[in-house]
Amino acid sequence: MTDIESLVGTRIGSVIRRWTDKITEINRKYATPRIRMSRGVKVVLLFLRLYLIFLVLLLGYKFWTLLG
């Protein structure tokens, strides 16, 4: 019984290791951006990020008021 458990554990470990290796490879490949963004694009992305945070806070506030 111990042999089967170790065999299954080894196979599961190798599958997980392959997945994490693939993820690490993808992260390494896209770690540095390949395109340059203009100042306008950066400003718009910052605005969208702040807008998303505002919407999440608004959703949290609405949830909090419904509980009370």
C-alpha atoms as a PDB file:
ATOM      1  CA  MET A   1       0.000   0.000   0.000  1.00  0.00           C
ATOM      2  CA  THR A   2       2.860   2.357   0.715  1.00  0.00           C
ATOM      3  CA  ASP A   3       4.271   1.805  -2.766  1.00  0.00           C
ATOM      4  CA  ILE A   4       1.010   2.848  -4.404  1.00  0.00           C
ATOM      5  CA  GLU A   5       0.786   5.966  -2.241  1.00  0.00           C
ATOM      6  CA  SER A   6       4.347   6.975  -3.037  1.00  0.00           C
ATOM      7  CA  LEU A   7       3.792   6.305  -6.757  1.00  0.00           C
ATOM      8  CA  VAL A   8       0.619   8.410  -6.841  1.00  0.00           C
ATOM      9  CA  GLY A   9       2.305  11.138  -4.774  1.00  0.00           C
ATOM     10  CA  THR A  10       5.258  11.189  -7.149  1.00  0.00           C
ATOM     11  CA  ARG A  11       3.017  11.479 -10.209  1.00  0.00           C
ATOM     12  CA  ILE A  12       0.921  14.246  -8.681  1.00  0.00           C
ATOM     13  CA  GLY A  13       4.101  16.054  -7.649  1.00  0.00           C
ATOM     14  CA  SER A  14       5.499  15.846 -11.169  1.00  0.00           C
ATOM     15  CA  VAL A  15       2.262  17.183 -12.682  1.00  0.00           C
ATOM     16  CA  ILE A  16       2.199  20.114 -10.253  1.00  0.00           C
ATOM     17  CA  ARG A  17       5.893  20.771 -10.888  1.00  0.00           C
ATOM     18  CA  ARG A  18       5.266  20.891 -14.653  1.00  0.00           C
ATOM     19  CA  TRP A  19       2.418  23.366 -14.152  1.00  0.00           C
ATOM     20  CA  THR A  20       4.461  25.625 -11.906  1.00  0.00           C
ATOM     21  CA  ASP A  21       7.430  25.429 -14.287  1.00  0.00           C
ATOM     22  CA  LYS A  22       5.176  26.498 -17.156  1.00  0.00           C
ATOM     23  CA  ILE A  23       3.765  29.391 -15.121  1.00  0.00           C
ATOM     24  CA  THR A  24       7.280  30.461 -14.130  1.00  0.00           C
ATOM     25  CA  GLU A  25       8.360  30.366 -17.775  1.00  0.00           C
ATOM     26  CA  ILE A  26       5.395  32.517 -18.845  1.00  0.00           C
ATOM     27  CA  ASN A  27       6.043  35.009 -16.031  1.00  0.00           C
ATOM     28  CA  ARG A  28       9.706  35.257 -16.996  1.00  0.00           C
ATOM     29  CA  LYS A  29       8.792  35.819 -20.646  1.00  0.00           C
ATOM     30  CA  TYR A  30       6.390  38.681 -19.922  1.00  0.00           C
ATOM     31  CA  ALA A  31       8.230  40.245 -16.962  1.00  0.00           C
ATOM     32  CA  THR A  32       9.383  43.226 -19.011  1.00  0.00           C
ATOM     33  CA  PRO A  33       6.914  45.100 -21.251  1.00  0.00           C
ATOM     34  CA  ARG A  34       7.653  45.059 -24.965  1.00  0.00           C
ATOM     35  CA  ILE A  35       5.711  48.193 -25.875  1.00  0.00           C
ATOM     36  CA  ARG A  36       6.164  51.776 -24.807  1.00  0.00           C
ATOM     37  CA  MET A  37       3.172  53.684 -23.502  1.00  0.00           C
ATOM     38  CA  SER A  38       2.669  57.366 -24.044  1.00  0.00           C
ATOM     39  CA  ARG A  39       1.922  59.664 -21.138  1.00  0.00           C
ATOM     40  CA  GLY A  40      -1.743  59.819 -22.195  1.00  0.00           C
ATOM     41  CA  VAL A  41      -2.102  56.052 -22.086  1.00  0.00           C
ATOM     42  CA  LYS A  42      -0.534  55.943 -18.632  1.00  0.00           C
ATOM     43  CA  VAL A  43      -2.916  58.646 -17.394  1.00  0.00           C
ATOM     44  CA  VAL A  44      -5.949  56.836 -18.789  1.00  0.00           C
ATOM     45  CA  LEU A  45      -4.849  53.535 -17.249  1.00  0.00           C
ATOM     46  CA  LEU A  46      -4.356  55.264 -13.897  1.00  0.00           C
ATOM     47  CA  PHE A  47      -7.838  56.781 -14.183  1.00  0.00           C
ATOM     48  CA  LEU A  48      -9.342  53.376 -14.979  1.00  0.00           C
ATOM     49  CA  ARG A  49      -7.525  51.806 -12.030  1.00  0.00           C
ATOM     50  CA  LEU A  50      -8.836  54.489  -9.673  1.00  0.00           C
ATOM     51  CA  TYR A  51     -12.335  54.113 -11.136  1.00  0.00           C
ATOM     52  CA  LEU A  52     -12.218  50.362 -10.535  1.00  0.00           C
ATOM     53  CA  ILE A  53     -11.140  50.911  -6.918  1.00  0.00           C
ATOM     54  CA  PHE A  54     -14.006  53.412  -6.511  1.00  0.00           C
ATOM     55  CA  LEU A  55     -16.523  50.895  -7.870  1.00  0.00           C
ATOM     56  CA  VAL A  56     -15.262  48.163  -5.548  1.00  0.00           C
ATOM     57  CA  LEU A  57     -15.512  50.528  -2.564  1.00  0.00           C
ATOM     58  CA  LEU A  58     -19.020  51.520  -3.633  1.00  0.00           C
ATOM     59  CA  LEU A  59     -20.012  47.871  -3.906  1.00  0.00           C
ATOM     60  CA  GLY A  60     -18.568  47.200  -0.457  1.00  0.00           C
ATOM     61  CA  TYR A  61     -20.452  50.185   0.982  1.00  0.00           C
ATOM     62  CA  LYS A  62     -23.712  48.979  -0.566  1.00  0.00           C
ATOM     63  CA  PHE A  63     -23.141  45.494   0.858  1.00  0.00           C
ATOM     64  CA  TRP A  64     -22.349  46.956   4.296  1.00  0.00           C
ATOM     65  CA  THR A  65     -25.528  49.083   4.326  1.00  0.00           C
ATOM     66  CA  LEU A  66     -27.690  46.124   3.290  1.00  0.00           C
ATOM     67  CA  LEU A  67     -26.389  44.128   6.246  1.00  0.00           C
ATOM     68  CA  GLY A  68     -27.230  46.880   8.741  1.00  0.00           C
END
